[in-house]
């Protein structure tokens, strides 16, 4: 027979396992083979100096300004 002091811990443990199985939405680009695309090399992105690089720089500046505000 389970001790009265052990039963609450077993109940809490099983409840946390049930809650840990919640659905988590995965977002992002869907690749043709189902896996996530490989990240771009930052040096290659800079050497191409195209719209993706410009967007990267703009987003970095924006994030830096937000962090400075605190």
Protein backbone atom coordinates (compact mmCIF):
# COMPACT_ATOMS: atom_id res chain seq x y z
CA UNK A 1 0.00 0.00 0.00
CA UNK A 2 1.24 3.50 -0.86
CA UNK A 3 2.06 5.74 2.05
CA UNK A 4 -0.14 8.83 2.49
CA UNK A 5 2.94 11.04 2.21
CA UNK A 6 4.00 9.50 -1.12
CA UNK A 7 0.61 9.65 -2.85
CA UNK A 8 0.58 13.47 -3.41
CA UNK A 9 4.03 13.32 -4.99
CA UNK A 10 2.92 10.56 -7.34
CA UNK A 11 -0.16 12.57 -8.30
CA UNK A 12 1.89 15.70 -8.99
CA UNK A 13 4.45 13.71 -10.97
CA UNK A 14 1.85 12.11 -13.21
CA UNK A 15 0.08 15.45 -13.73
CA UNK A 16 3.30 17.11 -14.87
CA UNK A 17 3.87 14.28 -17.37
CA UNK A 18 0.38 14.75 -18.78
CA UNK A 19 0.88 18.51 -19.11
CA UNK A 20 4.29 18.07 -20.75
CA UNK A 21 2.66 16.35 -23.70
CA UNK A 22 0.90 19.51 -24.91
CA UNK A 23 0.98 20.27 -28.61
CA UNK A 24 3.65 22.78 -29.58
CA UNK A 25 3.18 24.51 -32.92
CA UNK A 26 6.23 24.53 -35.17
CA UNK A 27 6.42 27.48 -37.51
CA UNK A 28 8.78 28.53 -40.25
CA UNK A 29 9.62 27.71 -43.81
CA UNK A 30 8.38 24.35 -45.05
CA UNK A 31 11.08 22.59 -47.05
CA UNK A 32 10.29 20.13 -49.82
CA UNK A 33 11.89 17.22 -47.96
CA UNK A 34 10.23 18.13 -44.64
CA UNK A 35 13.37 19.21 -42.79
CA UNK A 36 14.32 22.74 -41.80
CA UNK A 37 16.57 24.55 -44.28
CA UNK A 38 20.21 25.07 -43.35
CA UNK A 39 21.12 28.53 -42.04
CA UNK A 40 22.98 30.85 -44.37
CA UNK A 41 26.63 31.56 -43.67
CA UNK A 42 26.88 35.17 -42.47
CA UNK A 43 30.08 35.76 -44.46
CA UNK A 44 28.47 34.56 -47.69
CA UNK A 45 25.42 36.69 -46.99
CA UNK A 46 27.62 39.77 -46.49
CA UNK A 47 29.66 39.13 -49.65
CA UNK A 48 26.48 38.87 -51.76
CA UNK A 49 25.30 42.23 -50.32
CA UNK A 50 21.76 41.80 -51.59
CA UNK A 51 18.29 42.38 -50.13
CA UNK A 52 18.69 39.58 -47.57
CA UNK A 53 21.80 41.28 -46.19
CA UNK A 54 19.99 44.63 -46.05
CA UNK A 55 17.11 43.05 -44.16
CA UNK A 56 19.54 41.39 -41.74
CA UNK A 57 21.25 44.72 -41.03
CA UNK A 58 17.92 46.53 -40.58
CA UNK A 59 16.67 43.89 -38.14
CA UNK A 60 19.93 43.95 -36.18
CA UNK A 61 19.75 47.74 -35.84
CA UNK A 62 16.10 47.52 -34.76
CA UNK A 63 16.84 44.88 -32.11
CA UNK A 64 19.78 46.91 -30.81
CA UNK A 65 17.55 49.99 -30.45
CA UNK A 66 14.91 47.96 -28.59
CA UNK A 67 17.50 46.57 -26.19
CA UNK A 68 18.87 50.07 -25.54
CA UNK A 69 15.41 51.23 -24.44
CA UNK A 70 15.41 48.53 -21.79
